[in-house]
Amino acid sequence: MIIKSFEINKINLDLNNLFLFYGKNNGYKDEFTKNIIKNKYDTVNYDEKEILENENNFIENILSKSLFEKKKFIVIKRTTDKILKVIETLHLKNLEDITIILNSDNLEKKSKLRSLFEKDKKIVCVPFYPDNNQTLSKLAYNFLREKKISISPSNINLIVGKCNGDRETLINELQKIEYFTKNGKKINTESISKLINLSENHSISELIDNCLAQNKKKIISILNENNFSNEDCIMITRSFMLKAKKLLELSKIFETNKNLDLTISSAKPPIFWKEKEITKQQIQKWKPKNIKNMIYALSETELQIKKNINNSINLITDFILLQSSSTTNN
């Protein structure tokens, strides 16, 4: 059964136990999930890879719950058609006190997982399409008003214009601004441009590029020459995530066509000529599965940084040095 994202009130958690959320708008998916759960239930997060490594154990754990347990929400990230058999098995069982949310990237119409959820009226499929600038502007205004941060309409348009219809990117950029202003710093057009435009922060951009290219000597040199602050660490993780996701898309294309020049020329948005050579190095160093693992590790590192802000320099340094020396192409 297909439900539009704005029809959230139609969802009945007593009648529906299986949900498929798919699409590129990760920020909206996260917001949608939180609105359903509303901190009332225990939530357990899985990655599809964890489940596929031991399918029987996962199914047994789901079905053998204690009588004293609360209603549970299971969120499975990065799901693909590979998990179809597991979901079909659970769909035939009684999931009375368990709700499972599958979080997928774009799924083509021929996807068997998408087809299952669209055709069966007992389970729910919700597509999440990119936001338009009007929607993002409204979100930005609401966020800034709630945080009591004063920014001109023209600067809000500047922020929104950099997000390419991606709600997750917008939230990331707004959180950078929130963190920046917490130290009493005034926000203006110049500071906003530096915060949201990676190309203007050369040291951070260079650090990430060389990490993804695994140029360890250059990385150590950059770390020694720059006195990064706790604030910079948040910017590094967010900027790293954006570059890693872009590299993932390029890596998938290269895995199909085996042609570096064609992969670079087909990139959207286009890759600036100065970045082409190092981007080629990055594509050759990383396979899609390794980039996905790196993105997962990066998310965990960002979480640890938020919990231990005073140790943020050590946390991000350890992550960067680990990624720069990992064996990525095996």
C-alpha atoms as a PDB file:
ATOM      1  CA  MET A   1       0.000   0.000   0.000  1.00  0.00           C
ATOM      2  CA  ILE A   2       1.471   3.357  -1.051  1.00  0.00           C
ATOM      3  CA  ILE A   3       1.080   6.349   1.269  1.00  0.00           C
ATOM      4  CA  LYS A   4       2.375   9.842   0.514  1.00  0.00           C
ATOM      5  CA  SER A   5       4.723  11.300   3.116  1.00  0.00           C
ATOM      6  CA  PHE A   6       2.263  14.072   4.033  1.00  0.00           C
ATOM      7  CA  GLU A   7      -0.396  11.466   4.879  1.00  0.00           C
ATOM      8  CA  ILE A   8       1.322  10.393   8.104  1.00  0.00           C
ATOM      9  CA  ASN A   9      -1.925  10.679  10.088  1.00  0.00           C
ATOM     10  CA  LYS A  10      -3.397   7.830   8.032  1.00  0.00           C
ATOM     11  CA  ILE A  11      -0.897   5.343   9.456  1.00  0.00           C
ATOM     12  CA  ASN A  12      -2.378   3.075  12.108  1.00  0.00           C
ATOM     13  CA  LEU A  13       0.368   1.362  14.096  1.00  0.00           C
ATOM     14  CA  ASP A  14      -2.132  -1.151  15.476  1.00  0.00           C
ATOM     15  CA  LEU A  15      -2.922  -2.362  11.952  1.00  0.00           C
ATOM     16  CA  ASN A  16       0.394  -1.849  10.145  1.00  0.00           C
ATOM     17  CA  ASN A  17       3.651  -3.459  11.265  1.00  0.00           C
ATOM     18  CA  LEU A  18       5.855  -3.305   8.175  1.00  0.00           C
ATOM     19  CA  PHE A  19       6.980  -0.078   6.494  1.00  0.00           C
ATOM     20  CA  LEU A  20       9.254   0.656   3.546  1.00  0.00           C
ATOM     21  CA  PHE A  21      10.666   4.181   3.343  1.00  0.00           C
ATOM     22  CA  TYR A  22      12.661   4.737   0.156  1.00  0.00           C
ATOM     23  CA  GLY A  23      14.196   7.689  -1.671  1.00  0.00           C
ATOM     24  CA  LYS A  24      17.088  10.147  -1.439  1.00  0.00           C
ATOM     25  CA  ASN A  25      15.479  12.508   1.078  1.00  0.00           C
ATOM     26  CA  ASN A  26      17.150  11.027   4.162  1.00  0.00           C
ATOM     27  CA  GLY A  27      16.423  14.038   6.334  1.00  0.00           C
ATOM     28  CA  TYR A  28      12.686  13.740   5.692  1.00  0.00           C
ATOM     29  CA  LYS A  29      12.789   9.976   6.330  1.00  0.00           C
ATOM     30  CA  ASP A  30      14.467  10.534   9.706  1.00  0.00           C
ATOM     31  CA  GLU A  31      11.929  13.216  10.625  1.00  0.00           C
ATOM     32  CA  PHE A  32       9.054  10.994   9.507  1.00  0.00           C
ATOM     33  CA  THR A  33      10.365   8.050  11.564  1.00  0.00           C
ATOM     34  CA  LYS A  34      10.686  10.201  14.691  1.00  0.00           C
ATOM     35  CA  ASN A  35       7.119  11.453  14.246  1.00  0.00           C
ATOM     36  CA  ILE A  36       5.855   7.878  14.177  1.00  0.00           C
ATOM     37  CA  ILE A  37       7.880   6.656  17.146  1.00  0.00           C
ATOM     38  CA  LYS A  38       7.620   9.868  19.204  1.00  0.00           C
ATOM     39  CA  ASN A  39      10.017   8.479  21.857  1.00  0.00           C
ATOM     40  CA  LYS A  40       7.229   6.262  23.200  1.00  0.00           C
ATOM     41  CA  TYR A  41       8.762   2.966  22.211  1.00  0.00           C
ATOM     42  CA  ASP A  42      12.027   1.065  22.394  1.00  0.00           C
ATOM     43  CA  THR A  43      13.911   1.395  19.109  1.00  0.00           C
ATOM     44  CA  VAL A  44      16.579  -0.978  17.804  1.00  0.00           C
ATOM     45  CA  ASN A  45      18.659  -0.066  14.746  1.00  0.00           C
ATOM     46  CA  TYR A  46      20.148  -2.598  12.335  1.00  0.00           C
ATOM     47  CA  ASP A  47      22.095  -2.405   9.109  1.00  0.00           C
ATOM     48  CA  GLU A  48      20.934  -4.809   6.380  1.00  0.00           C
ATOM     49  CA  LYS A  49      24.409  -6.330   6.274  1.00  0.00           C
ATOM     50  CA  GLU A  50      24.172  -7.381   9.952  1.00  0.00           C
ATOM     51  CA  ILE A  51      20.904  -9.204   9.316  1.00  0.00           C
ATOM     52  CA  LEU A  52      21.994 -10.963   6.134  1.00  0.00           C
ATOM     53  CA  GLU A  53      25.041 -12.364   7.928  1.00  0.00           C
ATOM     54  CA  ASN A  54      22.740 -14.268  10.299  1.00  0.00           C
ATOM     55  CA  GLU A  55      19.165 -14.249   9.013  1.00  0.00           C
ATOM     56  CA  ASN A  56      17.854 -17.082  11.202  1.00  0.00           C
ATOM     57  CA  ASN A  57      19.185 -15.506  14.381  1.00  0.00           C
ATOM     58  CA  PHE A  58      17.544 -12.174  13.517  1.00  0.00           C
ATOM     59  CA  ILE A  59      14.158 -13.789  12.816  1.00  0.00           C
ATOM     60  CA  GLU A  60      14.305 -15.817  16.042  1.00  0.00           C
ATOM     61  CA  ASN A  61      15.116 -12.703  18.079  1.00  0.00           C
ATOM     62  CA  ILE A  62      12.179 -10.862  16.530  1.00  0.00           C
ATOM     63  CA  LEU A  63       9.689 -13.649  17.170  1.00  0.00           C
ATOM     64  CA  SER A  64      10.844 -14.770  20.633  1.00  0.00           C
ATOM     65  CA  LYS A  65      10.192 -11.579  22.549  1.00  0.00           C
ATOM     66  CA  SER A  66       9.475 -11.499  26.253  1.00  0.00           C
ATOM     67  CA  LEU A  67       5.912 -11.047  27.521  1.00  0.00           C
ATOM     68  CA  PHE A  68       7.161  -8.138  29.602  1.00  0.00           C
ATOM     69  CA  GLU A  69       8.715  -6.228  26.727  1.00  0.00           C
ATOM     70  CA  LYS A  70       7.240  -2.974  25.463  1.00  0.00           C
ATOM     71  CA  LYS A  71       6.171  -2.477  21.876  1.00  0.00           C
ATOM     72  CA  LYS A  72       9.350  -2.351  19.791  1.00  0.00           C
ATOM     73  CA  PHE A  73      10.406  -0.476  16.682  1.00  0.00           C
ATOM     74  CA  ILE A  74      13.036  -2.093  14.484  1.00  0.00           C
ATOM     75  CA  VAL A  75      14.721   0.242  11.978  1.00  0.00           C
ATOM     76  CA  ILE A  76      16.766  -1.489   9.260  1.00  0.00           C
ATOM     77  CA  LYS A  77      19.037   0.879   7.335  1.00  0.00           C
ATOM     78  CA  ARG A  78      20.421   0.621   3.781  1.00  0.00           C
ATOM     79  CA  THR A  79      17.930  -2.063   2.762  1.00  0.00           C
ATOM     80  CA  THR A  80      17.864  -3.577  -0.726  1.00  0.00           C
ATOM     81  CA  ASP A  81      16.183  -6.485  -2.503  1.00  0.00           C
ATOM     82  CA  LYS A  82      18.633  -8.794  -0.714  1.00  0.00           C
ATOM     83  CA  ILE A  83      16.489  -8.672   2.424  1.00  0.00           C
ATOM     84  CA  LEU A  84      13.278  -9.629   0.598  1.00  0.00           C
ATOM     85  CA  LYS A  85      13.126 -13.252   1.847  1.00  0.00           C
ATOM     86  CA  VAL A  86      13.578 -12.177   5.467  1.00  0.00           C
ATOM     87  CA  ILE A  87      10.747  -9.645   5.164  1.00  0.00           C
ATOM     88  CA  GLU A  88       8.466 -12.142   3.433  1.00  0.00           C
ATOM     89  CA  THR A  89       9.064 -14.600   6.280  1.00  0.00           C
ATOM     90  CA  LEU A  90       8.257 -12.002   8.946  1.00  0.00           C
ATOM     91  CA  HIS A  91       5.208 -10.806   7.034  1.00  0.00           C
ATOM     92  CA  LEU A  92       3.662 -14.257   7.436  1.00  0.00           C
ATOM     93  CA  LYS A  93       4.221 -14.189  11.197  1.00  0.00           C
ATOM     94  CA  ASN A  94       2.383 -12.421  13.979  1.00  0.00           C
ATOM     95  CA  LEU A  95       4.203  -9.145  14.626  1.00  0.00           C
ATOM     96  CA  GLU A  96       1.607  -7.852  17.043  1.00  0.00           C
ATOM     97  CA  ASP A  97       3.948  -5.793  19.253  1.00  0.00           C
ATOM     98  CA  ILE A  98       6.763  -5.171  16.774  1.00  0.00           C
ATOM     99  CA  THR A  99       6.947  -2.608  13.990  1.00  0.00           C
ATOM    100  CA  ILE A 100       9.691  -2.829  11.368  1.00  0.00           C
ATOM    101  CA  ILE A 101      10.781   0.146   9.259  1.00  0.00           C
ATOM    102  CA  LEU A 102      12.971  -0.499   6.217  1.00  0.00           C
ATOM    103  CA  ASN A 103      15.048   2.530   5.194  1.00  0.00           C
ATOM    104  CA  SER A 104      16.159   2.267   1.563  1.00  0.00           C
ATOM    105  CA  ASP A 105      17.890   4.472  -0.956  1.00  0.00           C
ATOM    106  CA  ASN A 106      16.282   4.917  -4.370  1.00  0.00           C
ATOM    107  CA  LEU A 107      14.456   1.751  -5.466  1.00  0.00           C
ATOM    108  CA  GLU A 108      13.623   1.263  -9.130  1.00  0.00           C
ATOM    109  CA  LYS A 109      10.127   0.230 -10.205  1.00  0.00           C
ATOM    110  CA  LYS A 110      11.403  -3.272 -10.969  1.00  0.00           C
ATOM    111  CA  SER A 111      12.593  -3.677  -7.356  1.00  0.00           C
ATOM    112  CA  LYS A 112      10.976  -6.785  -5.843  1.00  0.00           C
ATOM    113  CA  LEU A 113      11.053  -5.254  -2.364  1.00  0.00           C
ATOM    114  CA  ARG A 114       9.253  -2.115  -3.541  1.00  0.00           C
ATOM    115  CA  SER A 115       6.750  -4.204  -5.517  1.00  0.00           C
ATOM    116  CA  LEU A 116       5.894  -6.291  -2.436  1.00  0.00           C
ATOM    117  CA  PHE A 117       5.096  -3.214  -0.343  1.00  0.00           C
ATOM    118  CA  GLU A 118       3.187  -1.397  -3.082  1.00  0.00           C
ATOM    119  CA  LYS A 119       0.880  -4.309  -3.898  1.00  0.00           C
ATOM    120  CA  ASP A 120       0.127  -5.638  -0.407  1.00  0.00           C
ATOM    121  CA  LYS A 121      -2.545  -3.586   1.399  1.00  0.00           C
ATOM    122  CA  LYS A 122      -1.400  -4.782   4.831  1.00  0.00           C
ATOM    123  CA  ILE A 123       2.032  -3.198   4.616  1.00  0.00           C
ATOM    124  CA  VAL A 124       3.008   0.414   3.934  1.00  0.00           C
ATOM    125  CA  CYS A 125       5.302   1.938   1.302  1.00  0.00           C
ATOM    126  CA  VAL A 126       6.265   5.621   1.526  1.00  0.00           C
ATOM    127  CA  PRO A 127       8.405   7.311  -1.196  1.00  0.00           C
ATOM    128  CA  PHE A 128      10.493  10.321  -0.151  1.00  0.00           C
ATOM    129  CA  TYR A 129      11.244  12.690  -3.013  1.00  0.00           C
ATOM    130  CA  PRO A 130      13.579  15.735  -2.924  1.00  0.00           C
ATOM    131  CA  ASP A 131      12.188  18.907  -1.343  1.00  0.00           C
ATOM    132  CA  ASN A 132      11.708  22.100  -3.304  1.00  0.00           C
ATOM    133  CA  ASN A 133      13.265  25.403  -2.232  1.00  0.00           C
ATOM    134  CA  GLN A 134       9.985  26.676  -0.813  1.00  0.00           C
ATOM    135  CA  THR A 135       9.721  23.729   1.571  1.00  0.00           C
ATOM    136  CA  LEU A 136      13.375  24.005   2.583  1.00  0.00           C
ATOM    137  CA  SER A 137      13.044  27.752   3.187  1.00  0.00           C
ATOM    138  CA  LYS A 138      10.116  27.146   5.528  1.00  0.00           C
ATOM    139  CA  LEU A 139      12.101  24.504   7.418  1.00  0.00           C
ATOM    140  CA  ALA A 140      15.059  26.873   7.715  1.00  0.00           C
ATOM    141  CA  TYR A 141      12.881  29.734   9.030  1.00  0.00           C
ATOM    142  CA  ASN A 142      11.272  27.443  11.625  1.00  0.00           C
ATOM    143  CA  PHE A 143      14.636  26.031  12.762  1.00  0.00           C
ATOM    144  CA  LEU A 144      16.262  29.445  13.119  1.00  0.00           C
ATOM    145  CA  ARG A 145      13.246  30.918  14.911  1.00  0.00           C
ATOM    146  CA  GLU A 146      13.232  28.023  17.387  1.00  0.00           C
ATOM    147  CA  LYS A 147      16.974  28.460  18.050  1.00  0.00           C
ATOM    148  CA  LYS A 148      16.553  32.263  18.248  1.00  0.00           C
ATOM    149  CA  ILE A 149      19.134  32.861  15.520  1.00  0.00           C
ATOM    150  CA  SER A 150      18.632  35.976  13.403  1.00  0.00           C
ATOM    151  CA  ILE A 151      19.549  35.606   9.712  1.00  0.00           C
ATOM    152  CA  SER A 152      18.387  37.750   6.801  1.00  0.00           C
ATOM    153  CA  PRO A 153      16.066  36.272   4.126  1.00  0.00           C
ATOM    154  CA  SER A 154      18.816  36.636   1.519  1.00  0.00           C
ATOM    155  CA  ASN A 155      21.185  34.546   3.637  1.00  0.00           C
ATOM    156  CA  ILE A 156      18.496  31.910   4.176  1.00  0.00           C
ATOM    157  CA  ASN A 157      18.132  31.736   0.392  1.00  0.00           C
ATOM    158  CA  LEU A 158      21.919  31.341   0.170  1.00  0.00           C
ATOM    159  CA  ILE A 159      21.812  28.367   2.557  1.00  0.00           C
ATOM    160  CA  VAL A 160      18.847  26.733   0.822  1.00  0.00           C
ATOM    161  CA  GLY A 161      20.425  27.196  -2.603  1.00  0.00           C
ATOM    162  CA  LYS A 162      23.437  25.129  -1.540  1.00  0.00           C
ATOM    163  CA  CYS A 163      21.327  22.127  -0.497  1.00  0.00           C
ATOM    164  CA  ASN A 164      20.095  20.904  -3.908  1.00  0.00           C
ATOM    165  CA  GLY A 165      16.708  19.842  -2.546  1.00  0.00           C
ATOM    166  CA  ASP A 166      18.263  17.706   0.217  1.00  0.00           C
ATOM    167  CA  ARG A 167      16.612  18.145   3.626  1.00  0.00           C
ATOM    168  CA  GLU A 168      19.410  16.256   5.393  1.00  0.00           C
ATOM    169  CA  THR A 169      22.003  18.636   3.937  1.00  0.00           C
ATOM    170  CA  LEU A 170      19.923  21.634   5.041  1.00  0.00           C
ATOM    171  CA  ILE A 171      19.693  20.355   8.627  1.00  0.00           C
ATOM    172  CA  ASN A 172      23.444  19.716   8.618  1.00  0.00           C
ATOM    173  CA  GLU A 173      24.142  23.268   7.441  1.00  0.00           C
ATOM    174  CA  LEU A 174      21.736  24.784   9.975  1.00  0.00           C
ATOM    175  CA  GLN A 175      23.336  22.798  12.787  1.00  0.00           C
ATOM    176  CA  LYS A 176      26.753  24.123  11.763  1.00  0.00           C
ATOM    177  CA  ILE A 177      25.348  27.643  12.081  1.00  0.00           C
ATOM    178  CA  GLU A 178      23.748  26.822  15.448  1.00  0.00           C
ATOM    179  CA  TYR A 179      27.043  25.459  16.770  1.00  0.00           C
ATOM    180  CA  PHE A 180      28.908  28.509  15.432  1.00  0.00           C
ATOM    181  CA  THR A 181      26.612  30.961  17.246  1.00  0.00           C
ATOM    182  CA  LYS A 182      26.722  29.093  20.586  1.00  0.00           C
ATOM    183  CA  ASN A 183      30.144  30.614  21.276  1.00  0.00           C
ATOM    184  CA  GLY A 184      28.683  34.095  20.973  1.00  0.00           C
ATOM    185  CA  LYS A 185      30.005  34.618  17.449  1.00  0.00           C
ATOM    186  CA  LYS A 186      27.955  36.849  15.162  1.00  0.00           C
ATOM    187  CA  ILE A 187      26.629  35.278  11.990  1.00  0.00           C
ATOM    188  CA  ASN A 188      26.851  37.215   8.724  1.00  0.00           C
ATOM    189  CA  THR A 189      27.076  36.536   4.999  1.00  0.00           C
ATOM    190  CA  GLU A 190      30.828  35.947   5.129  1.00  0.00           C
ATOM    191  CA  SER A 191      30.683  33.469   8.014  1.00  0.00           C
ATOM    192  CA  ILE A 192      27.710  31.650   6.462  1.00  0.00           C
ATOM    193  CA  SER A 193      29.570  31.293   3.172  1.00  0.00           C
ATOM    194  CA  LYS A 194      32.570  29.800   4.942  1.00  0.00           C
ATOM    195  CA  LEU A 195      30.421  27.411   6.975  1.00  0.00           C
ATOM    196  CA  ILE A 196      28.359  26.033   4.087  1.00  0.00           C
ATOM    197  CA  ASN A 197      30.836  26.246   1.222  1.00  0.00           C
ATOM    198  CA  LEU A 198      33.524  23.590   1.596  1.00  0.00           C
ATOM    199  CA  SER A 199      35.653  25.028  -1.208  1.00  0.00           C
ATOM    200  CA  GLU A 200      36.234  28.164   0.866  1.00  0.00           C
ATOM    201  CA  ASN A 201      37.655  26.121   3.751  1.00  0.00           C
ATOM    202  CA  HIS A 202      40.709  24.870   1.931  1.00  0.00           C
ATOM    203  CA  SER A 203      42.342  23.077   4.851  1.00  0.00           C
ATOM    204  CA  ILE A 204      39.274  20.955   5.634  1.00  0.00           C
ATOM    205  CA  SER A 205      38.600  20.206   1.974  1.00  0.00           C
ATOM    206  CA  GLU A 206      42.231  19.257   1.409  1.00  0.00           C
ATOM    207  CA  LEU A 207      42.258  17.056   4.521  1.00  0.00           C
ATOM    208  CA  ILE A 208      39.189  15.096   3.422  1.00  0.00           C
ATOM    209  CA  ASP A 209      40.316  14.753  -0.190  1.00  0.00           C
ATOM    210  CA  ASN A 210      43.685  13.361   0.843  1.00  0.00           C
ATOM    211  CA  CYS A 211      42.102  11.025   3.361  1.00  0.00           C
ATOM    212  CA  LEU A 212      39.839   9.579   0.646  1.00  0.00           C
ATOM    213  CA  ALA A 213      42.876   9.323  -1.647  1.00  0.00           C
ATOM    214  CA  GLN A 214      44.830   7.725   1.236  1.00  0.00           C
ATOM    215  CA  ASN A 215      47.760  10.142   0.952  1.00  0.00           C
ATOM    216  CA  LYS A 216      48.902   9.573   4.534  1.00  0.00           C
ATOM    217  CA  LYS A 217      51.998  11.800   4.441  1.00  0.00           C
ATOM    218  CA  LYS A 218      49.936  14.727   3.182  1.00  0.00           C
ATOM    219  CA  ILE A 219      47.260  14.068   5.823  1.00  0.00           C
ATOM    220  CA  ILE A 220      49.791  14.168   8.657  1.00  0.00           C
ATOM    221  CA  SER A 221      51.243  17.375   7.217  1.00  0.00           C
ATOM    222  CA  ILE A 222      47.804  19.035   7.108  1.00  0.00           C
ATOM    223  CA  LEU A 223      47.000  17.932  10.666  1.00  0.00           C
ATOM    224  CA  ASN A 224      50.327  19.316  11.907  1.00  0.00           C
ATOM    225  CA  GLU A 225      49.960  22.619  10.074  1.00  0.00           C
ATOM    226  CA  ASN A 226      46.377  23.354  11.167  1.00  0.00           C
ATOM    227  CA  ASN A 227      45.062  23.976  14.638  1.00  0.00           C
ATOM    228  CA  PHE A 228      41.552  22.590  14.195  1.00  0.00           C
ATOM    229  CA  SER A 229      39.005  23.511  16.863  1.00  0.00           C
ATOM    230  CA  ASN A 230      36.096  21.530  18.321  1.00  0.00           C
ATOM    231  CA  GLU A 231      33.831  23.512  16.015  1.00  0.00           C
ATOM    232  CA  ASP A 232      35.966  22.466  13.032  1.00  0.00           C
ATOM    233  CA  CYS A 233      35.512  18.795  13.956  1.00  0.00           C
ATOM    234  CA  ILE A 234      31.761  19.042  13.462  1.00  0.00           C
ATOM    235  CA  MET A 235      32.357  20.749  10.111  1.00  0.00           C
ATOM    236  CA  ILE A 236      34.851  18.040   9.128  1.00  0.00           C
ATOM    237  CA  THR A 237      32.395  15.202   9.823  1.00  0.00           C
ATOM    238  CA  ARG A 238      29.545  16.885   7.939  1.00  0.00           C
ATOM    239  CA  SER A 239      31.742  17.811   4.980  1.00  0.00           C
ATOM    240  CA  PHE A 240      33.316  14.346   5.004  1.00  0.00           C
ATOM    241  CA  MET A 241      29.853  12.775   4.842  1.00  0.00           C
ATOM    242  CA  LEU A 242      28.888  14.834   1.791  1.00  0.00           C
ATOM    243  CA  LYS A 243      32.098  13.921  -0.043  1.00  0.00           C
ATOM    244  CA  ALA A 244      31.826  10.252   0.922  1.00  0.00           C
ATOM    245  CA  LYS A 245      28.275  10.027  -0.426  1.00  0.00           C
ATOM    246  CA  LYS A 246      29.361  11.672  -3.685  1.00  0.00           C
ATOM    247  CA  LEU A 247      32.282   9.229  -3.944  1.00  0.00           C
ATOM    248  CA  LEU A 248      29.881   6.331  -3.334  1.00  0.00           C
ATOM    249  CA  GLU A 249      27.799   7.330  -6.351  1.00  0.00           C
ATOM    250  CA  LEU A 250      30.908   7.666  -8.537  1.00  0.00           C
ATOM    251  CA  SER A 251      32.259   4.352  -7.299  1.00  0.00           C
ATOM    252  CA  LYS A 252      29.021   2.590  -8.247  1.00  0.00           C
ATOM    253  CA  ILE A 253      29.193   4.071 -11.746  1.00  0.00           C
ATOM    254  CA  PHE A 254      32.848   3.053 -12.139  1.00  0.00           C
ATOM    255  CA  GLU A 255      32.075  -0.481 -10.970  1.00  0.00           C
ATOM    256  CA  THR A 256      29.655  -0.720 -13.894  1.00  0.00           C
ATOM    257  CA  ASN A 257      31.539   1.002 -16.728  1.00  0.00           C
ATOM    258  CA  LYS A 258      35.186   0.392 -15.642  1.00  0.00           C
ATOM    259  CA  ASN A 259      36.097   3.723 -17.277  1.00  0.00           C
ATOM    260  CA  LEU A 260      37.535   6.457 -15.021  1.00  0.00           C
ATOM    261  CA  ASP A 261      37.248   9.304 -17.538  1.00  0.00           C
ATOM    262  CA  LEU A 262      33.653   8.399 -18.388  1.00  0.00           C
ATOM    263  CA  THR A 263      32.802   8.176 -14.690  1.00  0.00           C
ATOM    264  CA  ILE A 264      34.280  11.622 -14.015  1.00  0.00           C
ATOM    265  CA  SER A 265      32.582  13.224 -17.037  1.00  0.00           C
ATOM    266  CA  SER A 266      29.178  11.800 -16.074  1.00  0.00           C
ATOM    267  CA  ALA A 267      29.285  13.200 -12.520  1.00  0.00           C
ATOM    268  CA  LYS A 268      26.421  15.471 -11.479  1.00  0.00           C
ATOM    269  CA  PRO A 269      27.079  18.166 -10.441  1.00  0.00           C
ATOM    270  CA  PRO A 270      30.191  18.318 -12.670  1.00  0.00           C
ATOM    271  CA  ILE A 271      33.606  17.859 -11.035  1.00  0.00           C
ATOM    272  CA  PHE A 272      35.785  20.978 -11.199  1.00  0.00           C
ATOM    273  CA  TRP A 273      38.901  20.374 -13.301  1.00  0.00           C
ATOM    274  CA  LYS A 274      41.263  20.941 -10.355  1.00  0.00           C
ATOM    275  CA  GLU A 275      39.566  18.101  -8.435  1.00  0.00           C
ATOM    276  CA  LYS A 276      39.506  15.537 -11.256  1.00  0.00           C
ATOM    277  CA  GLU A 277      42.909  13.949 -10.597  1.00  0.00           C
ATOM    278  CA  ILE A 278      42.431  13.395  -6.870  1.00  0.00           C
ATOM    279  CA  THR A 279      38.877  12.191  -7.483  1.00  0.00           C
ATOM    280  CA  LYS A 280      40.266   9.547  -9.841  1.00  0.00           C
ATOM    281  CA  GLN A 281      42.640   8.436  -7.093  1.00  0.00           C
ATOM    282  CA  GLN A 282      39.732   8.173  -4.652  1.00  0.00           C
ATOM    283  CA  ILE A 283      37.601   6.103  -7.042  1.00  0.00           C
ATOM    284  CA  GLN A 284      40.493   3.687  -7.597  1.00  0.00           C
ATOM    285  CA  LYS A 285      41.056   3.331  -3.853  1.00  0.00           C
ATOM    286  CA  TRP A 286      37.492   2.622  -2.754  1.00  0.00           C
ATOM    287  CA  LYS A 287      34.820   0.081  -3.631  1.00  0.00           C
ATOM    288  CA  PRO A 288      31.138   0.820  -2.872  1.00  0.00           C
ATOM    289  CA  LYS A 289      30.910  -1.683   0.002  1.00  0.00           C
ATOM    290  CA  ASN A 290      33.964  -0.128   1.676  1.00  0.00           C
ATOM    291  CA  ILE A 291      32.576   3.381   1.300  1.00  0.00           C
ATOM    292  CA  LYS A 292      29.314   2.273   2.917  1.00  0.00           C
ATOM    293  CA  ASN A 293      31.259   0.860   5.857  1.00  0.00           C
ATOM    294  CA  MET A 294      33.222   4.110   6.106  1.00  0.00           C
ATOM    295  CA  ILE A 295      30.003   6.167   6.110  1.00  0.00           C
ATOM    296  CA  TYR A 296      28.641   4.002   8.911  1.00  0.00           C
ATOM    297  CA  ALA A 297      31.877   4.488  10.898  1.00  0.00           C
ATOM    298  CA  LEU A 298      31.744   8.228  10.224  1.00  0.00           C
ATOM    299  CA  SER A 299      28.201   8.423  11.622  1.00  0.00           C
ATOM    300  CA  GLU A 300      29.365   6.657  14.770  1.00  0.00           C
ATOM    301  CA  THR A 301      32.340   9.028  15.064  1.00  0.00           C
ATOM    302  CA  GLU A 302      30.091  12.077  14.746  1.00  0.00           C
ATOM    303  CA  LEU A 303      27.854  10.687  17.499  1.00  0.00           C
ATOM    304  CA  GLN A 304      30.872  10.202  19.766  1.00  0.00           C
ATOM    305  CA  ILE A 305      32.071  13.742  19.010  1.00  0.00           C
ATOM    306  CA  LYS A 306      28.700  15.161  20.058  1.00  0.00           C
ATOM    307  CA  LYS A 307      28.844  13.158  23.299  1.00  0.00           C
ATOM    308  CA  ASN A 308      32.499  13.982  24.002  1.00  0.00           C
ATOM    309  CA  ILE A 309      33.034  17.403  22.471  1.00  0.00           C
ATOM    310  CA  ASN A 310      36.194  18.039  24.504  1.00  0.00           C
ATOM    311  CA  ASN A 311      37.768  14.950  22.952  1.00  0.00           C
ATOM    312  CA  SER A 312      36.584  15.758  19.420  1.00  0.00           C
ATOM    313  CA  ILE A 313      40.069  16.466  18.004  1.00  0.00           C
ATOM    314  CA  ASN A 314      41.349  13.037  19.015  1.00  0.00           C
ATOM    315  CA  LEU A 315      38.206  11.295  17.754  1.00  0.00           C
ATOM    316  CA  ILE A 316      38.263  12.841  14.275  1.00  0.00           C
ATOM    317  CA  THR A 317      42.044  12.445  13.981  1.00  0.00           C
ATOM    318  CA  ASP A 318      41.826   8.744  14.854  1.00  0.00           C
ATOM    319  CA  PHE A 319      39.047   8.262  12.301  1.00  0.00           C
ATOM    320  CA  ILE A 320      40.959  10.031   9.517  1.00  0.00           C
ATOM    321  CA  LEU A 321      44.212   8.167  10.158  1.00  0.00           C
ATOM    322  CA  LEU A 322      42.358   4.843  10.297  1.00  0.00           C
ATOM    323  CA  GLN A 323      40.606   5.460   6.971  1.00  0.00           C
ATOM    324  CA  SER A 324      43.786   6.652   5.309  1.00  0.00           C
ATOM    325  CA  SER A 325      45.573   3.402   6.102  1.00  0.00           C
ATOM    326  CA  SER A 326      42.709   0.899   5.719  1.00  0.00           C
ATOM    327  CA  THR A 327      42.802  -1.755   3.002  1.00  0.00           C
ATOM    328  CA  THR A 328      39.903  -0.616   0.866  1.00  0.00           C
ATOM    329  CA  ASN A 329      40.103  -2.621  -2.302  1.00  0.00           C
ATOM    330  CA  ASN A 330      40.176  -6.151  -0.936  1.00  0.00           C
END
